[in-house]
Amino acid sequence: MKHFISTYLQKNNKSSLSSYTLFHKPKQILLNNHTDISDHIIISILYSQQDTDRREGKFYVGQVLYQLLKNYHSRFIITLCENGNVNNKIPDDIELIRRLVPVFIINTSDSDQIIDMYEREKQAHLQCILANFQSFPDISYVLLLQDDAQPIGDDFYLRFLSLIDYRIKQQWPLNGYRQQPAFLKIYHPRWLINYLHPSVYTIVQLIATSLLLTFVFFACFNLLQIIKQGNDNNANNSVNNITFVNRLISTNLNRIYFIYYFLLITLVLILLNHSNVSWTWRSLHPSFYAIYPAPSCCLPGVVYFRQTYIQIIDYLDSVKCHNGYAIDTAFDDLPKRIPLQTYLVEPNLIHHIGLYSRLRHTYINPYLLD
């Protein structure tokens, strides 16, 4: 049995950005005494305070938590970060949530200073990351979800565990020589992963997939022609001959056909769109997931690492967010400021279900939703 101490935990420096507290009632997580908690993973939901004059987005956090609890896995610890709900009147649904999971109250510093909403959003992320890693000193990974980021499918836990155990731990060992990245995003809008917004990764995969499909099609077509034209001996001689591959492109006519079909297949793949083609087969198993440098935009679901989280905290503490320079833009600049890389996993593991941002108190572009 692990008890959470209901006291204030504060970072000992001049900054008030890391002010947070654990909710006053002690929470308990049922853990076997022989269980190694270092093998657990934190999933923390960042929730903004209720709007008195708006009902949009009120039940997003309930949907997300329901999906997480419905198929709960024992290796996960679910927490909630409430953005500034210290003495505010709260509805019954949030009171119920406070009884279900450990709750951190963040952005609690009393100050007459008016803080820009983009800066407050950054502070909320900073404090939530800090609260979870400091409260669980043996945990290696924290998945920070916005309150409108809903896990995809009933097998979310199994797929996420496979990603952690067989991809992330292999690529960035906990005690290995390779430094872990700044973070790993598990969501990116589909419309930003297409050929209208090309990246090196998508272009290379397009060319490689087109070449592979063209060669397979060409090989099958020529093999079929060989079987039709000759007897069994001729067919066997042709197949066994080392020049079989050369035969495919040995003549100018075949080269022209090869280029023609390559361009045709490339055009078809472009029309089908990258996510529709790539995500379909990558979704079959986490071993097929792609992990590559993260493009800009959007932080509904992010995995943070114990090895590098202090550098992330220090970086966020050193930048000032404002209109036109929100936290996602600040994270875009992170690799230029500190020697850490940011990554994206493909396909998405969560849905972005929220049309209304409770952190920014504004509506979100519907095209950003998935």
Protein backbone atom coordinates (compact mmCIF):
# COMPACT_ATOMS: atom_id res chain seq x y z
CA MET A 1 0.00 0.00 0.00
CA LYS A 2 1.44 3.35 -1.01
CA HIS A 3 0.15 6.52 0.70
CA PHE A 4 0.45 9.99 -0.77
CA ILE A 5 1.44 12.60 1.79
CA SER A 6 -1.04 15.47 1.76
CA THR A 7 1.41 18.32 2.15
CA TYR A 8 2.74 21.10 -0.01
CA LEU A 9 5.64 20.17 -2.25
CA GLN A 10 7.52 23.16 -3.57
CA LYS A 11 10.61 23.61 -5.69
CA ASN A 12 13.35 25.42 -3.77
CA ASN A 13 14.21 28.23 -6.10
CA LYS A 14 13.19 31.79 -6.79
CA SER A 15 10.50 30.77 -9.27
CA SER A 16 6.89 30.38 -8.22
CA LEU A 17 6.06 28.47 -11.38
CA SER A 18 6.41 25.09 -9.70
CA SER A 19 3.87 25.78 -6.94
CA TYR A 20 1.63 22.78 -6.52
CA THR A 21 0.00 20.69 -3.80
CA LEU A 22 -1.45 17.24 -3.44
CA PHE A 23 -5.19 17.34 -2.73
CA HIS A 24 -5.96 17.36 0.98
CA LYS A 25 -7.32 13.81 1.26
CA PRO A 26 -4.68 11.05 1.24
CA LYS A 27 -4.99 8.82 -1.78
CA GLN A 28 -4.04 5.16 -1.89
CA ILE A 29 -2.89 2.94 -4.72
CA LEU A 30 -3.24 -0.78 -4.21
CA LEU A 31 0.21 -2.21 -4.76
CA ASN A 32 1.54 -5.55 -3.72
CA ASN A 33 4.43 -5.17 -1.30
CA HIS A 34 6.61 -7.17 -3.67
CA THR A 35 5.69 -5.07 -6.69
CA ASP A 36 8.49 -3.02 -8.19
CA ILE A 37 6.93 0.41 -8.66
CA SER A 38 9.77 1.43 -10.97
CA ASP A 39 8.08 -0.72 -13.59
CA HIS A 40 4.94 1.42 -13.38
CA ILE A 41 4.00 4.27 -15.70
CA ILE A 42 2.19 7.47 -14.72
CA ILE A 43 -0.71 8.73 -16.82
CA SER A 44 -1.56 12.26 -15.71
CA ILE A 45 -4.53 14.23 -17.04
CA LEU A 46 -4.09 18.01 -17.15
CA TYR A 47 -7.45 19.57 -16.35
CA SER A 48 -8.32 23.27 -16.34
CA GLN A 49 -10.67 24.93 -13.88
CA GLN A 50 -14.37 25.15 -14.63
CA ASP A 51 -15.71 28.14 -16.53
CA THR A 52 -18.67 29.69 -14.75
CA ASP A 53 -20.14 31.09 -17.96
CA ARG A 54 -19.39 28.21 -20.35
CA ARG A 55 -20.35 24.56 -20.48
CA GLU A 56 -18.24 23.62 -23.50
CA GLY A 57 -15.73 20.93 -22.71
CA LYS A 58 -17.21 20.22 -19.29
CA PHE A 59 -17.29 16.46 -19.70
CA TYR A 60 -14.10 15.90 -21.71
CA VAL A 61 -12.14 14.88 -18.62
CA GLY A 62 -14.86 12.41 -17.65
CA GLN A 63 -14.72 10.73 -21.05
CA VAL A 64 -10.94 10.46 -20.91
CA LEU A 65 -10.91 9.07 -17.37
CA TYR A 66 -13.72 6.63 -18.17
CA GLN A 67 -11.74 5.23 -21.10
CA LEU A 68 -8.66 4.85 -18.89
CA LEU A 69 -10.50 3.19 -16.00
CA LYS A 70 -12.68 0.93 -18.15
CA ASN A 71 -9.74 -1.24 -19.21
CA TYR A 72 -7.38 -0.38 -16.37
CA HIS A 73 -3.99 -2.11 -16.31
CA SER A 74 -2.13 -2.72 -13.06
CA ARG A 75 1.16 -1.25 -14.34
CA PHE A 76 -0.34 2.22 -14.64
CA ILE A 77 -0.96 4.92 -12.04
CA ILE A 78 -3.51 7.55 -13.07
CA THR A 79 -3.32 11.06 -11.62
CA LEU A 80 -5.08 14.35 -12.30
CA CYS A 81 -3.54 17.83 -12.39
CA GLU A 82 -6.16 20.51 -11.70
CA ASN A 83 -5.20 23.94 -12.95
CA GLY A 84 -6.10 26.37 -10.15
CA ASN A 85 -9.07 24.72 -8.45
CA VAL A 86 -7.93 25.39 -4.88
CA ASN A 87 -10.91 27.13 -3.31
CA ASN A 88 -13.19 27.26 -6.31
CA LYS A 89 -16.64 25.72 -6.11
CA ILE A 90 -16.47 22.46 -8.01
CA PRO A 91 -19.26 20.35 -9.53
CA ASP A 92 -20.16 16.85 -8.38
CA ASP A 93 -18.44 15.13 -11.30
CA ILE A 94 -15.06 16.63 -10.39
CA GLU A 95 -15.64 15.82 -6.71
CA LEU A 96 -16.19 12.21 -7.77
CA ILE A 97 -13.00 12.20 -9.83
CA ARG A 98 -11.08 13.48 -6.80
CA ARG A 99 -12.17 10.35 -4.95
CA LEU A 100 -10.97 8.06 -7.72
CA VAL A 101 -7.44 9.22 -8.47
CA PRO A 102 -4.63 11.23 -6.83
CA VAL A 103 -5.12 14.92 -7.64
CA PHE A 104 -2.46 17.63 -7.84
CA ILE A 105 -3.62 21.24 -7.53
CA ILE A 106 -1.33 23.34 -9.73
CA ASN A 107 -0.96 27.08 -10.38
CA THR A 108 -1.84 27.69 -6.73
CA SER A 109 0.50 30.60 -6.01
CA ASP A 110 -1.37 33.61 -4.66
CA SER A 111 -0.36 36.63 -6.65
CA ASP A 112 -1.97 39.84 -7.77
CA GLN A 113 0.00 39.68 -10.99
CA ILE A 114 -2.12 38.98 -14.07
CA ILE A 115 -0.58 36.07 -15.96
CA ASP A 116 -1.03 35.71 -19.70
CA MET A 117 -3.15 32.65 -20.52
CA TYR A 118 -0.39 31.22 -22.73
CA GLU A 119 2.12 31.63 -19.90
CA ARG A 120 -0.37 30.05 -17.49
CA GLU A 121 -0.77 27.11 -19.87
CA LYS A 122 3.00 26.66 -19.90
CA GLN A 123 3.11 26.83 -16.11
CA ALA A 124 0.40 24.18 -15.89
CA HIS A 125 2.45 21.79 -18.02
CA LEU A 126 5.62 22.56 -16.08
CA GLN A 127 4.03 22.03 -12.68
CA CYS A 128 2.20 18.86 -13.69
CA ILE A 129 5.41 17.27 -14.99
CA LEU A 130 7.27 18.30 -11.85
CA ALA A 131 4.53 17.14 -9.46
CA ASN A 132 4.36 13.64 -10.93
CA PHE A 133 8.10 13.00 -11.15
CA GLN A 134 8.76 14.37 -7.66
CA SER A 135 5.89 12.46 -6.08
CA PHE A 136 6.89 9.18 -7.74
CA PRO A 137 10.71 9.15 -7.54
CA ASP A 138 10.99 5.58 -8.88
CA ILE A 139 8.90 6.17 -12.00
CA SER A 140 10.76 6.45 -15.33
CA TYR A 141 7.95 7.63 -17.62
CA VAL A 142 5.05 10.08 -17.34
CA LEU A 143 2.39 10.31 -20.03
CA LEU A 144 0.80 13.76 -19.81
CA LEU A 145 -2.64 13.92 -21.43
CA GLN A 146 -4.74 17.01 -21.94
CA ASP A 147 -8.27 16.65 -20.63
CA ASP A 148 -9.62 16.21 -24.16
CA ALA A 149 -7.13 13.53 -25.29
CA GLN A 150 -8.95 10.20 -25.27
CA PRO A 151 -7.05 6.90 -25.66
CA ILE A 152 -7.89 4.95 -28.81
CA GLY A 153 -9.36 1.47 -28.42
CA ASP A 154 -9.76 -0.96 -25.56
CA ASP A 155 -6.24 -2.27 -26.13
CA PHE A 156 -4.60 1.11 -25.51
CA TYR A 157 -2.71 -0.09 -22.43
CA LEU A 158 -1.29 -3.14 -24.19
CA ARG A 159 -0.17 -1.14 -27.21
CA PHE A 160 1.34 1.57 -25.05
CA LEU A 161 3.18 -0.98 -22.89
CA SER A 162 4.53 -2.66 -26.01
CA LEU A 163 5.72 0.73 -27.23
CA ILE A 164 7.49 1.40 -23.92
CA ASP A 165 8.94 -2.08 -23.33
CA TYR A 166 9.92 -3.13 -26.84
CA ARG A 167 10.60 0.12 -28.64
CA ILE A 168 11.46 2.96 -26.25
CA LYS A 169 13.45 0.91 -23.75
CA GLN A 170 15.33 -0.75 -26.60
CA GLN A 171 16.03 2.51 -28.41
CA TRP A 172 16.80 4.52 -25.25
CA PRO A 173 17.79 2.13 -22.42
CA LEU A 174 17.21 3.45 -18.92
CA ASN A 175 20.85 2.94 -17.95
CA GLY A 176 22.29 2.91 -21.43
CA TYR A 177 24.82 5.05 -23.20
CA ARG A 178 22.19 6.81 -25.32
CA GLN A 179 20.58 9.88 -23.80
CA GLN A 180 16.82 9.76 -23.71
CA PRO A 181 14.92 12.38 -25.74
CA ALA A 182 13.13 15.44 -24.40
CA PHE A 183 9.77 13.80 -25.00
CA LEU A 184 7.80 11.53 -27.31
CA LYS A 185 4.48 12.72 -28.74
CA ILE A 186 1.79 10.08 -29.26
CA TYR A 187 -0.53 12.32 -31.27
CA HIS A 188 -0.28 14.55 -34.32
CA PRO A 189 -3.18 15.80 -36.50
CA ARG A 190 -3.66 13.63 -39.58
CA TRP A 191 -3.96 16.61 -41.87
CA LEU A 192 -0.49 17.79 -40.83
CA ILE A 193 1.04 14.40 -41.68
CA ASN A 194 0.40 14.43 -45.39
CA TYR A 195 2.14 15.38 -48.60
CA LEU A 196 0.84 18.95 -48.49
CA HIS A 197 2.99 19.35 -45.36
CA PRO A 198 5.96 17.21 -46.41
CA SER A 199 8.78 16.15 -44.15
CA VAL A 200 11.95 14.20 -44.86
CA TYR A 201 10.39 11.13 -43.25
CA THR A 202 7.17 11.17 -45.30
CA ILE A 203 8.99 11.81 -48.59
CA VAL A 204 11.53 9.03 -47.98
CA GLN A 205 8.76 6.61 -47.01
CA LEU A 206 6.74 7.58 -50.10
CA ILE A 207 9.67 6.89 -52.44
CA ALA A 208 10.62 3.65 -50.66
CA THR A 209 7.04 2.35 -50.68
CA SER A 210 6.58 3.26 -54.34
CA LEU A 211 9.83 1.50 -55.33
CA LEU A 212 8.92 -1.60 -53.34
CA LEU A 213 5.40 -1.85 -54.77
CA THR A 214 6.65 -1.17 -58.29
CA PHE A 215 9.31 -3.87 -58.04
CA VAL A 216 6.85 -6.41 -56.58
CA PHE A 217 4.31 -5.66 -59.29
CA PHE A 218 6.95 -5.78 -62.02
CA ALA A 219 8.45 -9.03 -60.71
CA CYS A 220 5.05 -10.72 -60.48
CA PHE A 221 4.09 -9.52 -63.96
CA ASN A 222 7.34 -10.78 -65.53
CA LEU A 223 7.17 -14.08 -63.67
CA LEU A 224 3.64 -14.57 -64.95
CA GLN A 225 4.83 -13.84 -68.49
CA ILE A 226 7.65 -16.38 -68.14
CA ILE A 227 5.25 -19.06 -66.93
CA LYS A 228 2.85 -18.37 -69.80
CA GLN A 229 5.49 -18.28 -72.53
CA GLY A 230 7.66 -21.28 -71.80
CA ASN A 231 7.51 -24.82 -70.65
CA ASP A 232 8.54 -25.93 -67.18
CA ASN A 233 12.22 -26.19 -68.10
CA ASN A 234 12.34 -22.72 -69.54
CA ALA A 235 10.54 -21.37 -66.51
CA ASN A 236 12.90 -23.08 -64.09
CA ASN A 237 15.95 -21.92 -66.01
CA SER A 238 14.68 -18.36 -65.97
CA VAL A 239 13.83 -18.37 -62.28
CA ASN A 240 17.07 -19.98 -61.24
CA ASN A 241 19.16 -17.74 -63.43
CA ILE A 242 20.90 -14.89 -61.58
CA THR A 243 19.89 -12.59 -64.41
CA PHE A 244 16.21 -12.85 -63.51
CA VAL A 245 16.25 -9.50 -61.72
CA ASN A 246 18.22 -7.91 -64.54
CA ARG A 247 15.63 -9.21 -66.98
CA LEU A 248 13.04 -6.98 -65.35
CA ILE A 249 14.83 -3.80 -66.43
CA SER A 250 17.22 -5.08 -69.08
CA THR A 251 15.49 -3.47 -72.03
CA ASN A 252 14.67 0.16 -72.65
CA LEU A 253 10.99 -0.75 -72.91
CA ASN A 254 11.02 -2.41 -69.49
CA ARG A 255 12.82 0.59 -68.00
CA ILE A 256 10.16 2.89 -69.41
CA TYR A 257 7.41 0.65 -68.02
CA PHE A 258 9.17 0.55 -64.64
CA ILE A 259 9.36 4.34 -64.45
CA TYR A 260 5.77 4.65 -65.66
CA TYR A 261 4.40 2.29 -62.99
CA PHE A 262 6.61 3.90 -60.34
CA LEU A 263 5.12 7.31 -61.09
CA LEU A 264 1.61 5.85 -61.26
CA ILE A 265 1.92 4.08 -57.91
CA THR A 266 3.46 7.20 -56.36
CA LEU A 267 0.49 9.26 -57.55
CA VAL A 268 -1.96 6.72 -56.13
CA LEU A 269 -0.17 6.77 -52.76
CA ILE A 270 -0.29 10.57 -52.71
CA LEU A 271 -4.02 10.52 -53.43
CA LEU A 272 -4.61 7.92 -50.70
CA ASN A 273 -2.64 10.12 -48.26
CA HIS A 274 0.24 9.13 -46.02
CA SER A 275 -1.76 8.38 -42.87
CA ASN A 276 -4.33 6.21 -44.69
CA VAL A 277 -1.59 4.05 -46.18
CA SER A 278 1.08 4.00 -43.48
CA TRP A 279 -1.11 3.96 -40.39
CA THR A 280 -3.20 1.05 -41.69
CA TRP A 281 -0.38 -1.48 -41.58
CA ARG A 282 1.56 0.16 -38.74
CA SER A 283 -1.51 -0.23 -36.51
CA LEU A 284 -1.26 -4.01 -36.78
CA HIS A 285 1.43 -4.23 -34.09
CA PRO A 286 3.58 -1.81 -32.05
CA SER A 287 6.72 -3.31 -33.59
CA PHE A 288 5.64 -1.60 -36.83
CA TYR A 289 5.29 1.83 -35.19
CA ALA A 290 7.44 4.59 -36.62
CA ILE A 291 9.42 6.88 -34.30
CA TYR A 292 10.99 9.93 -35.92
CA PRO A 293 11.81 13.60 -35.10
CA ALA A 294 8.61 15.39 -34.16
CA PRO A 295 7.14 18.02 -36.47
CA SER A 296 5.71 21.18 -34.94
CA CYS A 297 2.24 21.57 -33.42
CA CYS A 298 0.09 20.08 -30.74
CA LEU A 299 0.67 18.46 -27.34
CA PRO A 300 -2.48 16.48 -26.42
CA GLY A 301 -0.43 13.43 -25.44
CA VAL A 302 3.29 13.52 -24.53
CA VAL A 303 5.60 10.98 -22.85
CA TYR A 304 8.26 12.56 -20.62
CA PHE A 305 11.39 10.79 -19.37
CA ARG A 306 12.94 10.91 -15.90
CA GLN A 307 16.43 11.21 -17.34
CA THR A 308 15.63 14.48 -19.12
CA TYR A 309 12.63 16.01 -17.35
CA ILE A 310 14.76 18.39 -15.24
CA GLN A 311 16.18 19.88 -18.44
CA ILE A 312 12.63 20.31 -19.75
CA ILE A 313 11.56 22.03 -16.52
CA ASP A 314 14.55 24.37 -16.63
CA TYR A 315 13.92 25.16 -20.28
CA LEU A 316 10.23 25.94 -19.74
CA ASP A 317 11.12 28.05 -16.72
CA SER A 318 13.52 30.08 -18.87
CA VAL A 319 11.06 30.95 -21.65
CA LYS A 320 8.09 33.30 -21.56
CA CYS A 321 4.97 32.27 -23.48
CA HIS A 322 2.54 34.76 -24.98
CA ASN A 323 0.16 35.17 -27.90
CA GLY A 324 2.00 33.86 -30.94
CA TYR A 325 4.47 31.91 -28.83
CA ALA A 326 2.53 29.20 -26.99
CA ILE A 327 4.04 26.17 -25.30
CA ASP A 328 3.95 24.04 -28.47
CA THR A 329 5.96 26.73 -30.28
CA ALA A 330 8.37 26.86 -27.35
CA PHE A 331 8.82 23.11 -27.63
CA ASP A 332 9.51 23.51 -31.37
CA ASP A 333 12.48 25.68 -30.40
CA LEU A 334 13.69 23.28 -27.71
CA PRO A 335 16.17 21.28 -29.88
CA LYS A 336 17.78 24.57 -30.93
CA ARG A 337 18.25 25.70 -27.33
CA ILE A 338 19.31 22.51 -25.55
CA PRO A 339 20.93 19.31 -26.89
CA LEU A 340 17.78 17.18 -26.77
CA GLN A 341 15.63 15.82 -29.58
CA THR A 342 11.84 15.54 -29.66
CA TYR A 343 10.10 12.58 -31.29
CA LEU A 344 6.72 11.50 -32.61
CA VAL A 345 5.29 7.99 -32.71
CA GLU A 346 3.11 7.02 -35.65
CA PRO A 347 0.22 6.11 -35.75
CA ASN A 348 -1.70 8.12 -33.15
CA LEU A 349 -2.49 6.42 -29.85
CA ILE A 350 -5.10 8.99 -28.75
CA HIS A 351 -8.00 10.97 -30.20
CA HIS A 352 -8.21 14.74 -29.75
CA ILE A 353 -11.92 15.03 -28.92
CA GLY A 354 -12.11 18.59 -27.62
CA LEU A 355 -13.47 21.37 -29.79
CA TYR A 356 -13.13 23.86 -26.91
CA SER A 357 -9.83 24.47 -25.12
CA ARG A 358 -10.42 24.95 -21.40
CA LEU A 359 -6.84 26.05 -20.89
CA ARG A 360 -7.00 28.81 -23.50
CA HIS A 361 -10.75 29.42 -23.18
CA THR A 362 -11.26 29.37 -26.93
CA TYR A 363 -12.48 27.11 -29.71
CA ILE A 364 -10.00 24.92 -31.55
CA ASN A 365 -9.70 24.65 -35.31
CA PRO A 366 -11.84 21.55 -36.15
CA TYR A 367 -9.19 20.42 -38.63
CA LEU A 368 -6.83 19.85 -35.69
CA LEU A 369 -9.17 17.20 -34.29
CA ASP A 370 -8.91 13.51 -35.12
